[in-house]
Amino acid sequence: MTSELVPPQFDWAQLFDALNIGVILVDGSGNVLLWNEWIARHSGVSRATAINHPLTEIFTEPLPAPFIAAIKRTITTKLPVVLSNALHKFPLPLYNLNGTGERISQSVILNPIKDSAGEFNCLIQVTDSTTAIKREKMLRDHSETHKKDATTDPLTGVYNRRFFDSHYKLEMNQAQRQKSTLSLLMLDIDFFKNYNDHYGHPAGDAAIIAVANCMRNTIKRSSDLVARYGGEEFIVLLPNSTPTAAQMLAENIRSAIADLKMPHLNSLIANHLTVSIGVSSFLPGMVVDATTFLKNTDLALYAAKQKGRNQVQYLPL
């Protein structure tokens, strides 16, 4: 004769109180049947105050309508409901216990529970998702920072050469495929070595930042791209920009930088900071690769330097 195992008897209230999540049981009329210790601590409402009272009347502030609707839907459809933390961040007025008065971000699962009389109630499980959300935000911020570091120049905040190289190839391919115009500007600060030698590297960095900001403020179209190409050299990518429009923009940039009137006593052409700019344009129907186009723009910049600097030179492909 085998002896039957007798399952242990539990104090269910004590068992629910031991859980590190909130547990509430609500009947079909909306009255609270179960209110565990976690909920009592974080709500400031005792079990004695909550039991047998309507959930909607327990708190001093009204509960969100979607939360109340979710309880009714769980009981009516007899199906679980999950409240997304992204859409329902604070379904219940629950607070951290650190004295800051900060609300707890909550993940809520509602399940239908049938009682001994065959009636359906709603079991509400509440989890503190504050830490998970903070961790997710930290990872997202880290990812965005890493992405920004990989594409932008740390000194000026404009795009770096690595990003320009990859983006330039895409724009060149698109211009060839769509038979559209693409222009390039290449800019160099005149006699920058003399500037650094005379004023020092911190002042040189400040000058590079000022030139980058001036370029960024002069360019109006969101499709245009400014990048630091290296040292005191910058490059500008202008999709759908004709040779005339590109030269006009280059002259506006040159003039705006000259108008800054940043002293440059060791310049051989002016007493203030100036730049030279080379311009080149890819036109529909041209058969030329990206490397040749870039080299041609560099030659245009070389021509601007050879002809006296502080000027714009256009070199056709």
C-alpha atoms as a PDB file:
ATOM      1  CA  MET A   1       0.000   0.000   0.000  1.00  0.00           C
ATOM      2  CA  THR A   2       1.498   3.283  -1.125  1.00  0.00           C
ATOM      3  CA  SER A   3       1.105   6.449   0.883  1.00  0.00           C
ATOM      4  CA  GLU A   4      -0.190   9.503  -0.946  1.00  0.00           C
ATOM      5  CA  LEU A   5       1.864  12.687  -0.902  1.00  0.00           C
ATOM      6  CA  VAL A   6      -0.010  15.490   0.743  1.00  0.00           C
ATOM      7  CA  PRO A   7       0.760  18.857  -0.841  1.00  0.00           C
ATOM      8  CA  PRO A   8       1.931  21.475   1.646  1.00  0.00           C
ATOM      9  CA  GLN A   9      -0.573  24.074   2.754  1.00  0.00           C
ATOM     10  CA  PHE A  10       0.382  27.712   2.210  1.00  0.00           C
ATOM     11  CA  ASP A  11      -0.750  31.013   3.580  1.00  0.00           C
ATOM     12  CA  TRP A  12      -1.405  32.486   0.109  1.00  0.00           C
ATOM     13  CA  ALA A  13      -1.409  36.068   1.357  1.00  0.00           C
ATOM     14  CA  GLN A  14       2.057  35.532   2.848  1.00  0.00           C
ATOM     15  CA  LEU A  15       3.210  33.894  -0.388  1.00  0.00           C
ATOM     16  CA  PHE A  16       2.063  36.843  -2.508  1.00  0.00           C
ATOM     17  CA  ASP A  17       3.676  39.271  -0.044  1.00  0.00           C
ATOM     18  CA  ALA A  18       7.029  37.547  -0.584  1.00  0.00           C
ATOM     19  CA  LEU A  19       6.979  38.365  -4.307  1.00  0.00           C
ATOM     20  CA  ASN A  20       9.061  41.282  -5.557  1.00  0.00           C
ATOM     21  CA  ILE A  21       6.290  42.371  -7.918  1.00  0.00           C
ATOM     22  CA  GLY A  22       2.915  43.932  -7.368  1.00  0.00           C
ATOM     23  CA  VAL A  23      -0.148  41.663  -7.378  1.00  0.00           C
ATOM     24  CA  ILE A  24      -3.761  42.864  -7.398  1.00  0.00           C
ATOM     25  CA  LEU A  25      -6.874  40.775  -7.937  1.00  0.00           C
ATOM     26  CA  VAL A  26     -10.033  42.565  -9.056  1.00  0.00           C
ATOM     27  CA  ASP A  27     -13.469  40.979  -9.456  1.00  0.00           C
ATOM     28  CA  GLY A  28     -15.984  41.588 -12.222  1.00  0.00           C
ATOM     29  CA  SER A  29     -17.398  44.591 -10.362  1.00  0.00           C
ATOM     30  CA  GLY A  30     -14.003  46.233 -10.063  1.00  0.00           C
ATOM     31  CA  ASN A  31     -13.577  45.540  -6.344  1.00  0.00           C
ATOM     32  CA  VAL A  32     -10.157  44.569  -4.954  1.00  0.00           C
ATOM     33  CA  LEU A  33      -9.866  40.993  -3.661  1.00  0.00           C
ATOM     34  CA  LEU A  34      -6.093  40.795  -3.290  1.00  0.00           C
ATOM     35  CA  TRP A  35      -3.550  43.535  -2.558  1.00  0.00           C
ATOM     36  CA  ASN A  36      -0.025  42.335  -1.825  1.00  0.00           C
ATOM     37  CA  GLU A  37       2.639  44.031   0.288  1.00  0.00           C
ATOM     38  CA  TRP A  38       4.675  45.288  -2.723  1.00  0.00           C
ATOM     39  CA  ILE A  39       1.675  47.255  -3.969  1.00  0.00           C
ATOM     40  CA  ALA A  40       0.923  48.540  -0.465  1.00  0.00           C
ATOM     41  CA  ARG A  41       4.496  49.836  -0.028  1.00  0.00           C
ATOM     42  CA  HIS A  42       4.755  51.576  -3.381  1.00  0.00           C
ATOM     43  CA  SER A  43       1.252  53.013  -3.395  1.00  0.00           C
ATOM     44  CA  GLY A  44       1.057  54.094   0.230  1.00  0.00           C
ATOM     45  CA  VAL A  45      -2.358  52.377   0.438  1.00  0.00           C
ATOM     46  CA  SER A  46      -2.701  49.633   3.069  1.00  0.00           C
ATOM     47  CA  ARG A  47      -4.256  46.255   2.365  1.00  0.00           C
ATOM     48  CA  ALA A  48      -7.056  47.005   4.818  1.00  0.00           C
ATOM     49  CA  THR A  49      -7.908  50.191   2.923  1.00  0.00           C
ATOM     50  CA  ALA A  50      -7.897  48.475  -0.462  1.00  0.00           C
ATOM     51  CA  ILE A  51      -9.657  45.137   0.085  1.00  0.00           C
ATOM     52  CA  ASN A  52     -13.344  45.065  -0.953  1.00  0.00           C
ATOM     53  CA  HIS A  53     -13.186  48.589  -2.296  1.00  0.00           C
ATOM     54  CA  PRO A  54     -13.416  49.624  -5.967  1.00  0.00           C
ATOM     55  CA  LEU A  55      -9.951  49.923  -7.487  1.00  0.00           C
ATOM     56  CA  THR A  56     -10.949  53.216  -9.123  1.00  0.00           C
ATOM     57  CA  GLU A  57     -11.703  54.797  -5.729  1.00  0.00           C
ATOM     58  CA  ILE A  58      -8.609  53.675  -3.798  1.00  0.00           C
ATOM     59  CA  PHE A  59      -6.165  56.225  -5.167  1.00  0.00           C
ATOM     60  CA  THR A  60      -6.340  59.985  -4.755  1.00  0.00           C
ATOM     61  CA  GLU A  61      -5.907  60.478  -8.516  1.00  0.00           C
ATOM     62  CA  PRO A  62      -7.963  58.924 -11.318  1.00  0.00           C
ATOM     63  CA  LEU A  63      -6.598  55.832 -13.051  1.00  0.00           C
ATOM     64  CA  PRO A  64      -5.969  56.046 -16.817  1.00  0.00           C
ATOM     65  CA  ALA A  65      -8.973  55.079 -18.916  1.00  0.00           C
ATOM     66  CA  PRO A  66      -6.948  52.579 -21.034  1.00  0.00           C
ATOM     67  CA  PHE A  67      -5.938  50.749 -17.843  1.00  0.00           C
ATOM     68  CA  ILE A  68      -9.547  50.438 -16.648  1.00  0.00           C
ATOM     69  CA  ALA A  69     -10.605  49.333 -20.144  1.00  0.00           C
ATOM     70  CA  ALA A  70      -7.863  46.670 -20.136  1.00  0.00           C
ATOM     71  CA  ILE A  71      -9.216  45.186 -16.873  1.00  0.00           C
ATOM     72  CA  LYS A  72     -12.740  44.974 -18.317  1.00  0.00           C
ATOM     73  CA  ARG A  73     -11.420  43.507 -21.577  1.00  0.00           C
ATOM     74  CA  THR A  74      -9.477  40.820 -19.706  1.00  0.00           C
ATOM     75  CA  ILE A  75     -12.592  39.726 -17.799  1.00  0.00           C
ATOM     76  CA  THR A  76     -14.912  39.980 -20.809  1.00  0.00           C
ATOM     77  CA  THR A  77     -12.732  38.246 -23.403  1.00  0.00           C
ATOM     78  CA  LYS A  78     -11.099  35.874 -20.890  1.00  0.00           C
ATOM     79  CA  LEU A  79      -7.776  36.615 -22.583  1.00  0.00           C
ATOM     80  CA  PRO A  80      -4.522  38.073 -21.168  1.00  0.00           C
ATOM     81  CA  VAL A  81      -3.640  41.711 -21.853  1.00  0.00           C
ATOM     82  CA  VAL A  82      -0.146  43.178 -21.808  1.00  0.00           C
ATOM     83  CA  LEU A  83       0.206  46.938 -21.380  1.00  0.00           C
ATOM     84  CA  SER A  84       3.216  48.175 -23.325  1.00  0.00           C
ATOM     85  CA  ASN A  85       5.551  50.275 -21.208  1.00  0.00           C
ATOM     86  CA  ALA A  86       6.128  52.547 -24.200  1.00  0.00           C
ATOM     87  CA  LEU A  87       2.412  53.445 -24.342  1.00  0.00           C
ATOM     88  CA  HIS A  88       1.449  53.027 -20.672  1.00  0.00           C
ATOM     89  CA  LYS A  89       4.438  54.107 -18.595  1.00  0.00           C
ATOM     90  CA  PHE A  90       2.587  54.813 -15.311  1.00  0.00           C
ATOM     91  CA  PRO A  91      -0.751  52.916 -15.219  1.00  0.00           C
ATOM     92  CA  LEU A  92      -0.853  53.064 -11.420  1.00  0.00           C
ATOM     93  CA  PRO A  93       0.351  55.863  -9.080  1.00  0.00           C
ATOM     94  CA  LEU A  94       3.260  53.892  -7.626  1.00  0.00           C
ATOM     95  CA  TYR A  95       6.423  55.511  -6.291  1.00  0.00           C
ATOM     96  CA  ASN A  96      10.013  54.603  -5.484  1.00  0.00           C
ATOM     97  CA  LEU A  97      10.853  54.291  -1.804  1.00  0.00           C
ATOM     98  CA  ASN A  98      13.996  56.442  -1.970  1.00  0.00           C
ATOM     99  CA  GLY A  99      12.203  59.607  -0.892  1.00  0.00           C
ATOM    100  CA  THR A 100      12.531  61.365  -4.255  1.00  0.00           C
ATOM    101  CA  GLY A 101       8.852  61.074  -5.099  1.00  0.00           C
ATOM    102  CA  GLU A 102       9.799  59.547  -8.435  1.00  0.00           C
ATOM    103  CA  ARG A 103       7.140  57.427 -10.095  1.00  0.00           C
ATOM    104  CA  ILE A 104       7.896  53.816 -10.952  1.00  0.00           C
ATOM    105  CA  SER A 105       7.857  52.923 -14.633  1.00  0.00           C
ATOM    106  CA  GLN A 106       5.653  49.861 -14.858  1.00  0.00           C
ATOM    107  CA  SER A 107       5.207  46.789 -17.007  1.00  0.00           C
ATOM    108  CA  VAL A 108       1.725  45.359 -16.468  1.00  0.00           C
ATOM    109  CA  ILE A 109       0.258  41.960 -17.365  1.00  0.00           C
ATOM    110  CA  LEU A 110      -3.444  41.250 -16.811  1.00  0.00           C
ATOM    111  CA  ASN A 111      -4.713  37.651 -16.710  1.00  0.00           C
ATOM    112  CA  PRO A 112      -8.254  36.250 -16.366  1.00  0.00           C
ATOM    113  CA  ILE A 113      -8.664  34.099 -13.241  1.00  0.00           C
ATOM    114  CA  LYS A 114     -11.782  31.958 -12.657  1.00  0.00           C
ATOM    115  CA  ASP A 115     -12.926  31.589  -9.053  1.00  0.00           C
ATOM    116  CA  SER A 116     -14.697  28.624  -7.401  1.00  0.00           C
ATOM    117  CA  ALA A 117     -18.084  30.022  -8.440  1.00  0.00           C
ATOM    118  CA  GLY A 118     -17.039  30.081 -12.100  1.00  0.00           C
ATOM    119  CA  GLU A 119     -16.815  33.882 -12.232  1.00  0.00           C
ATOM    120  CA  PHE A 120     -13.858  35.551 -13.933  1.00  0.00           C
ATOM    121  CA  ASN A 121     -11.656  38.020 -12.107  1.00  0.00           C
ATOM    122  CA  CYS A 122      -8.616  39.966 -13.296  1.00  0.00           C
ATOM    123  CA  LEU A 123      -5.155  39.283 -11.880  1.00  0.00           C
ATOM    124  CA  ILE A 124      -2.921  42.345 -12.312  1.00  0.00           C
ATOM    125  CA  GLN A 125       0.851  41.804 -12.143  1.00  0.00           C
ATOM    126  CA  VAL A 126       2.973  44.950 -11.912  1.00  0.00           C
ATOM    127  CA  THR A 127       6.751  44.911 -12.454  1.00  0.00           C
ATOM    128  CA  ASP A 128       9.112  47.812 -11.798  1.00  0.00           C
ATOM    129  CA  SER A 129      10.749  48.481 -15.185  1.00  0.00           C
ATOM    130  CA  THR A 130      12.566  51.681 -14.148  1.00  0.00           C
ATOM    131  CA  THR A 131      16.025  50.071 -14.165  1.00  0.00           C
ATOM    132  CA  ALA A 132      15.424  48.327 -17.487  1.00  0.00           C
ATOM    133  CA  ILE A 133      14.286  51.587 -19.099  1.00  0.00           C
ATOM    134  CA  LYS A 134      17.297  53.493 -17.750  1.00  0.00           C
ATOM    135  CA  ARG A 135      19.609  50.755 -19.010  1.00  0.00           C
ATOM    136  CA  GLU A 136      17.944  50.803 -22.418  1.00  0.00           C
ATOM    137  CA  LYS A 137      18.267  54.597 -22.590  1.00  0.00           C
ATOM    138  CA  MET A 138      21.924  54.392 -21.595  1.00  0.00           C
ATOM    139  CA  LEU A 139      22.614  51.819 -24.312  1.00  0.00           C
ATOM    140  CA  ARG A 140      20.706  53.888 -26.870  1.00  0.00           C
ATOM    141  CA  ASP A 141      22.603  57.042 -25.914  1.00  0.00           C
ATOM    142  CA  HIS A 142      25.880  55.143 -26.072  1.00  0.00           C
ATOM    143  CA  SER A 143      24.974  53.820 -29.513  1.00  0.00           C
ATOM    144  CA  GLU A 144      24.069  57.309 -30.764  1.00  0.00           C
ATOM    145  CA  THR A 145      27.290  58.734 -29.318  1.00  0.00           C
ATOM    146  CA  HIS A 146      29.333  55.980 -30.936  1.00  0.00           C
ATOM    147  CA  LYS A 147      27.577  56.568 -34.248  1.00  0.00           C
ATOM    148  CA  LYS A 148      28.209  60.311 -34.012  1.00  0.00           C
ATOM    149  CA  ASP A 149      31.866  59.753 -33.113  1.00  0.00           C
ATOM    150  CA  ALA A 150      32.260  57.535 -36.163  1.00  0.00           C
ATOM    151  CA  THR A 151      30.852  60.108 -38.612  1.00  0.00           C
ATOM    152  CA  THR A 152      31.777  63.557 -37.274  1.00  0.00           C
ATOM    153  CA  ASP A 153      34.972  65.488 -36.778  1.00  0.00           C
ATOM    154  CA  PRO A 154      35.514  65.913 -33.008  1.00  0.00           C
ATOM    155  CA  LEU A 155      36.962  69.436 -33.314  1.00  0.00           C
ATOM    156  CA  THR A 156      34.430  71.122 -35.594  1.00  0.00           C
ATOM    157  CA  GLY A 157      31.317  68.947 -35.358  1.00  0.00           C
ATOM    158  CA  VAL A 158      31.002  68.720 -39.166  1.00  0.00           C
ATOM    159  CA  TYR A 159      31.265  65.360 -40.918  1.00  0.00           C
ATOM    160  CA  ASN A 160      34.658  63.676 -41.047  1.00  0.00           C
ATOM    161  CA  ARG A 161      36.508  62.450 -44.112  1.00  0.00           C
ATOM    162  CA  ARG A 162      35.497  58.844 -43.547  1.00  0.00           C
ATOM    163  CA  PHE A 163      31.833  59.734 -43.721  1.00  0.00           C
ATOM    164  CA  PHE A 164      32.393  62.000 -46.734  1.00  0.00           C
ATOM    165  CA  ASP A 165      34.194  59.261 -48.661  1.00  0.00           C
ATOM    166  CA  SER A 166      31.333  56.793 -48.232  1.00  0.00           C
ATOM    167  CA  HIS A 167      28.578  59.373 -48.821  1.00  0.00           C
ATOM    168  CA  TYR A 168      30.362  60.858 -51.841  1.00  0.00           C
ATOM    169  CA  LYS A 169      30.423  57.493 -53.615  1.00  0.00           C
ATOM    170  CA  LEU A 170      26.680  57.070 -53.033  1.00  0.00           C
ATOM    171  CA  GLU A 171      25.914  60.570 -54.368  1.00  0.00           C
ATOM    172  CA  MET A 172      28.202  60.041 -57.363  1.00  0.00           C
ATOM    173  CA  ASN A 173      26.505  56.752 -58.234  1.00  0.00           C
ATOM    174  CA  GLN A 174      23.089  58.397 -57.905  1.00  0.00           C
ATOM    175  CA  ALA A 175      24.081  61.351 -60.114  1.00  0.00           C
ATOM    176  CA  GLN A 176      25.356  58.969 -62.803  1.00  0.00           C
ATOM    177  CA  ARG A 177      22.251  56.786 -62.569  1.00  0.00           C
ATOM    178  CA  GLN A 178      19.749  59.655 -62.566  1.00  0.00           C
ATOM    179  CA  LYS A 179      21.771  61.826 -64.961  1.00  0.00           C
ATOM    180  CA  SER A 180      21.767  64.723 -62.507  1.00  0.00           C
ATOM    181  CA  THR A 181      24.336  67.375 -61.580  1.00  0.00           C
ATOM    182  CA  LEU A 182      26.752  67.045 -58.672  1.00  0.00           C
ATOM    183  CA  SER A 183      29.217  69.742 -57.568  1.00  0.00           C
ATOM    184  CA  LEU A 184      32.174  69.760 -55.192  1.00  0.00           C
ATOM    185  CA  LEU A 185      33.911  72.580 -53.330  1.00  0.00           C
ATOM    186  CA  MET A 186      37.347  72.097 -51.805  1.00  0.00           C
ATOM    187  CA  LEU A 187      38.482  74.786 -49.363  1.00  0.00           C
ATOM    188  CA  ASP A 188      41.859  75.500 -47.761  1.00  0.00           C
ATOM    189  CA  ILE A 189      42.738  78.155 -45.176  1.00  0.00           C
ATOM    190  CA  ASP A 190      45.434  80.400 -46.647  1.00  0.00           C
ATOM    191  CA  PHE A 191      48.877  80.266 -45.018  1.00  0.00           C
ATOM    192  CA  PHE A 192      47.545  78.277 -42.092  1.00  0.00           C
ATOM    193  CA  LYS A 193      51.007  77.030 -41.059  1.00  0.00           C
ATOM    194  CA  ASN A 194      52.055  80.651 -40.629  1.00  0.00           C
ATOM    195  CA  TYR A 195      48.905  81.235 -38.559  1.00  0.00           C
ATOM    196  CA  ASN A 196      49.694  78.296 -36.258  1.00  0.00           C
ATOM    197  CA  ASP A 197      53.329  79.315 -35.889  1.00  0.00           C
ATOM    198  CA  HIS A 198      52.416  82.869 -34.954  1.00  0.00           C
ATOM    199  CA  TYR A 199      49.275  82.421 -32.799  1.00  0.00           C
ATOM    200  CA  GLY A 200      49.756  78.863 -31.487  1.00  0.00           C
ATOM    201  CA  HIS A 201      47.804  75.649 -31.975  1.00  0.00           C
ATOM    202  CA  PRO A 202      44.862  76.500 -29.655  1.00  0.00           C
ATOM    203  CA  ALA A 203      44.237  79.631 -31.737  1.00  0.00           C
ATOM    204  CA  GLY A 204      44.638  77.506 -34.867  1.00  0.00           C
ATOM    205  CA  ASP A 205      41.952  75.113 -33.628  1.00  0.00           C
ATOM    206  CA  ALA A 206      39.673  78.092 -32.900  1.00  0.00           C
ATOM    207  CA  ALA A 207      40.215  79.359 -36.445  1.00  0.00           C
ATOM    208  CA  ILE A 208      39.334  75.965 -37.932  1.00  0.00           C
ATOM    209  CA  ILE A 209      36.147  75.864 -35.827  1.00  0.00           C
ATOM    210  CA  ALA A 210      35.215  79.401 -36.929  1.00  0.00           C
ATOM    211  CA  VAL A 211      35.672  78.475 -40.609  1.00  0.00           C
ATOM    212  CA  ALA A 212      33.581  75.303 -40.184  1.00  0.00           C
ATOM    213  CA  ASN A 213      30.779  77.235 -38.480  1.00  0.00           C
ATOM    214  CA  CYS A 214      30.863  79.905 -41.160  1.00  0.00           C
ATOM    215  CA  MET A 215      30.564  77.272 -43.889  1.00  0.00           C
ATOM    216  CA  ARG A 216      27.724  75.528 -42.079  1.00  0.00           C
ATOM    217  CA  ASN A 217      25.834  78.823 -41.632  1.00  0.00           C
ATOM    218  CA  THR A 218      26.306  79.858 -45.255  1.00  0.00           C
ATOM    219  CA  ILE A 219      25.008  76.596 -46.722  1.00  0.00           C
ATOM    220  CA  LYS A 220      21.210  76.621 -46.754  1.00  0.00           C
ATOM    221  CA  ARG A 221      20.100  73.302 -48.266  1.00  0.00           C
ATOM    222  CA  SER A 222      19.754  70.272 -45.999  1.00  0.00           C
ATOM    223  CA  SER A 223      21.040  68.022 -48.797  1.00  0.00           C
ATOM    224  CA  ASP A 224      24.422  69.813 -48.914  1.00  0.00           C
ATOM    225  CA  LEU A 225      27.200  68.244 -46.861  1.00  0.00           C
ATOM    226  CA  VAL A 226      30.215  69.898 -45.215  1.00  0.00           C
ATOM    227  CA  ALA A 227      33.136  67.725 -44.114  1.00  0.00           C
ATOM    228  CA  ARG A 228      36.579  68.341 -42.704  1.00  0.00           C
ATOM    229  CA  TYR A 229      38.846  66.754 -45.269  1.00  0.00           C
ATOM    230  CA  GLY A 230      42.040  67.004 -43.241  1.00  0.00           C
ATOM    231  CA  GLY A 231      43.946  69.628 -41.271  1.00  0.00           C
ATOM    232  CA  GLU A 232      42.799  73.060 -42.472  1.00  0.00           C
ATOM    233  CA  GLU A 233      41.053  71.647 -45.547  1.00  0.00           C
ATOM    234  CA  PHE A 234      37.292  71.231 -45.987  1.00  0.00           C
ATOM    235  CA  ILE A 235      35.105  69.771 -48.710  1.00  0.00           C
ATOM    236  CA  VAL A 236      31.479  70.456 -49.603  1.00  0.00           C
ATOM    237  CA  LEU A 237      29.209  68.057 -51.500  1.00  0.00           C
ATOM    238  CA  LEU A 238      26.370  69.726 -53.443  1.00  0.00           C
ATOM    239  CA  PRO A 239      23.823  67.372 -55.049  1.00  0.00           C
ATOM    240  CA  ASN A 240      21.767  68.861 -57.921  1.00  0.00           C
ATOM    241  CA  SER A 241      23.873  72.027 -57.941  1.00  0.00           C
ATOM    242  CA  THR A 242      24.906  73.589 -61.264  1.00  0.00           C
ATOM    243  CA  PRO A 243      28.419  74.991 -61.860  1.00  0.00           C
ATOM    244  CA  THR A 244      27.049  78.540 -61.598  1.00  0.00           C
ATOM    245  CA  ALA A 245      25.213  77.861 -58.316  1.00  0.00           C
ATOM    246  CA  ALA A 246      28.254  76.068 -56.884  1.00  0.00           C
ATOM    247  CA  GLN A 247      30.573  78.970 -57.749  1.00  0.00           C
ATOM    248  CA  MET A 248      28.128  81.469 -56.218  1.00  0.00           C
ATOM    249  CA  LEU A 249      27.997  79.447 -52.998  1.00  0.00           C
ATOM    250  CA  ALA A 250      31.787  79.159 -52.936  1.00  0.00           C
ATOM    251  CA  GLU A 251      32.120  82.928 -53.296  1.00  0.00           C
ATOM    252  CA  ASN A 252      29.570  83.453 -50.486  1.00  0.00           C
ATOM    253  CA  ILE A 253      31.616  81.172 -48.217  1.00  0.00           C
ATOM    254  CA  ARG A 254      34.899  82.904 -49.129  1.00  0.00           C
ATOM    255  CA  SER A 255      33.359  86.325 -48.507  1.00  0.00           C
ATOM    256  CA  ALA A 256      31.714  85.300 -45.213  1.00  0.00           C
ATOM    257  CA  ILE A 257      35.014  83.953 -43.847  1.00  0.00           C
ATOM    258  CA  ALA A 258      36.859  87.117 -44.912  1.00  0.00           C
ATOM    259  CA  ASP A 259      34.156  89.178 -43.162  1.00  0.00           C
ATOM    260  CA  LEU A 260      35.040  87.474 -39.871  1.00  0.00           C
ATOM    261  CA  LYS A 261      38.143  89.690 -39.884  1.00  0.00           C
ATOM    262  CA  MET A 262      40.145  87.223 -37.830  1.00  0.00           C
ATOM    263  CA  PRO A 263      43.659  88.744 -37.585  1.00  0.00           C
ATOM    264  CA  HIS A 264      46.358  86.920 -39.563  1.00  0.00           C
ATOM    265  CA  LEU A 265      49.455  89.078 -39.396  1.00  0.00           C
ATOM    266  CA  ASN A 266      51.655  86.395 -40.993  1.00  0.00           C
ATOM    267  CA  SER A 267      49.464  86.016 -44.083  1.00  0.00           C
ATOM    268  CA  LEU A 268      51.170  87.051 -47.320  1.00  0.00           C
ATOM    269  CA  ILE A 269      47.965  88.347 -48.942  1.00  0.00           C
ATOM    270  CA  ALA A 270      45.870  90.022 -46.216  1.00  0.00           C
ATOM    271  CA  ASN A 271      45.960  91.052 -42.562  1.00  0.00           C
ATOM    272  CA  HIS A 272      43.068  88.734 -41.763  1.00  0.00           C
ATOM    273  CA  LEU A 273      42.163  85.072 -42.268  1.00  0.00           C
ATOM    274  CA  THR A 274      41.244  84.128 -45.862  1.00  0.00           C
ATOM    275  CA  VAL A 275      40.489  80.932 -47.773  1.00  0.00           C
ATOM    276  CA  SER A 276      40.965  79.572 -51.275  1.00  0.00           C
ATOM    277  CA  ILE A 277      38.252  77.430 -52.868  1.00  0.00           C
ATOM    278  CA  GLY A 278      38.271  75.085 -55.857  1.00  0.00           C
ATOM    279  CA  VAL A 279      35.017  74.151 -57.605  1.00  0.00           C
ATOM    280  CA  SER A 280      34.202  71.349 -60.015  1.00  0.00           C
ATOM    281  CA  SER A 281      30.922  69.922 -61.335  1.00  0.00           C
ATOM    282  CA  PHE A 282      29.806  66.569 -62.706  1.00  0.00           C
ATOM    283  CA  LEU A 283      27.226  67.133 -65.451  1.00  0.00           C
ATOM    284  CA  PRO A 284      24.655  64.713 -66.925  1.00  0.00           C
ATOM    285  CA  GLY A 285      26.098  62.541 -69.652  1.00  0.00           C
ATOM    286  CA  MET A 286      29.710  62.768 -68.471  1.00  0.00           C
ATOM    287  CA  VAL A 287      31.698  59.541 -68.364  1.00  0.00           C
ATOM    288  CA  VAL A 288      33.993  60.026 -65.385  1.00  0.00           C
ATOM    289  CA  ASP A 289      34.648  58.154 -62.148  1.00  0.00           C
ATOM    290  CA  ALA A 290      34.497  59.485 -58.585  1.00  0.00           C
ATOM    291  CA  THR A 291      38.288  59.559 -58.167  1.00  0.00           C
ATOM    292  CA  THR A 292      38.798  61.695 -61.296  1.00  0.00           C
ATOM    293  CA  PHE A 293      36.070  64.102 -60.217  1.00  0.00           C
ATOM    294  CA  LEU A 294      37.685  64.517 -56.791  1.00  0.00           C
ATOM    295  CA  LYS A 295      41.146  65.039 -58.288  1.00  0.00           C
ATOM    296  CA  ASN A 296      39.747  67.676 -60.638  1.00  0.00           C
ATOM    297  CA  THR A 297      38.323  69.595 -57.642  1.00  0.00           C
ATOM    298  CA  ASP A 298      41.710  69.387 -55.954  1.00  0.00           C
ATOM    299  CA  LEU A 299      43.290  70.819 -59.128  1.00  0.00           C
ATOM    300  CA  ALA A 300      40.759  73.673 -59.025  1.00  0.00           C
ATOM    301  CA  LEU A 301      41.853  74.441 -55.458  1.00  0.00           C
ATOM    302  CA  TYR A 302      45.494  74.328 -56.583  1.00  0.00           C
ATOM    303  CA  ALA A 303      44.654  76.837 -59.335  1.00  0.00           C
ATOM    304  CA  ALA A 304      43.069  79.186 -56.753  1.00  0.00           C
ATOM    305  CA  LYS A 305      46.282  79.071 -54.730  1.00  0.00           C
ATOM    306  CA  GLN A 306      48.524  79.547 -57.762  1.00  0.00           C
ATOM    307  CA  LYS A 307      46.563  82.592 -58.905  1.00  0.00           C
ATOM    308  CA  GLY A 308      47.018  84.445 -55.611  1.00  0.00           C
ATOM    309  CA  ARG A 309      44.719  82.753 -53.018  1.00  0.00           C
ATOM    310  CA  ASN A 310      41.691  84.319 -51.320  1.00  0.00           C
ATOM    311  CA  GLN A 311      39.598  83.467 -54.373  1.00  0.00           C
ATOM    312  CA  VAL A 312      37.368  80.889 -56.053  1.00  0.00           C
ATOM    313  CA  GLN A 313      38.466  78.943 -59.142  1.00  0.00           C
ATOM    314  CA  TYR A 314      36.247  76.678 -61.226  1.00  0.00           C
ATOM    315  CA  LEU A 315      37.817  73.874 -63.264  1.00  0.00           C
ATOM    316  CA  PRO A 316      35.572  72.020 -65.734  1.00  0.00           C
ATOM    317  CA  LEU A 317      35.831  68.258 -65.936  1.00  0.00           C
END
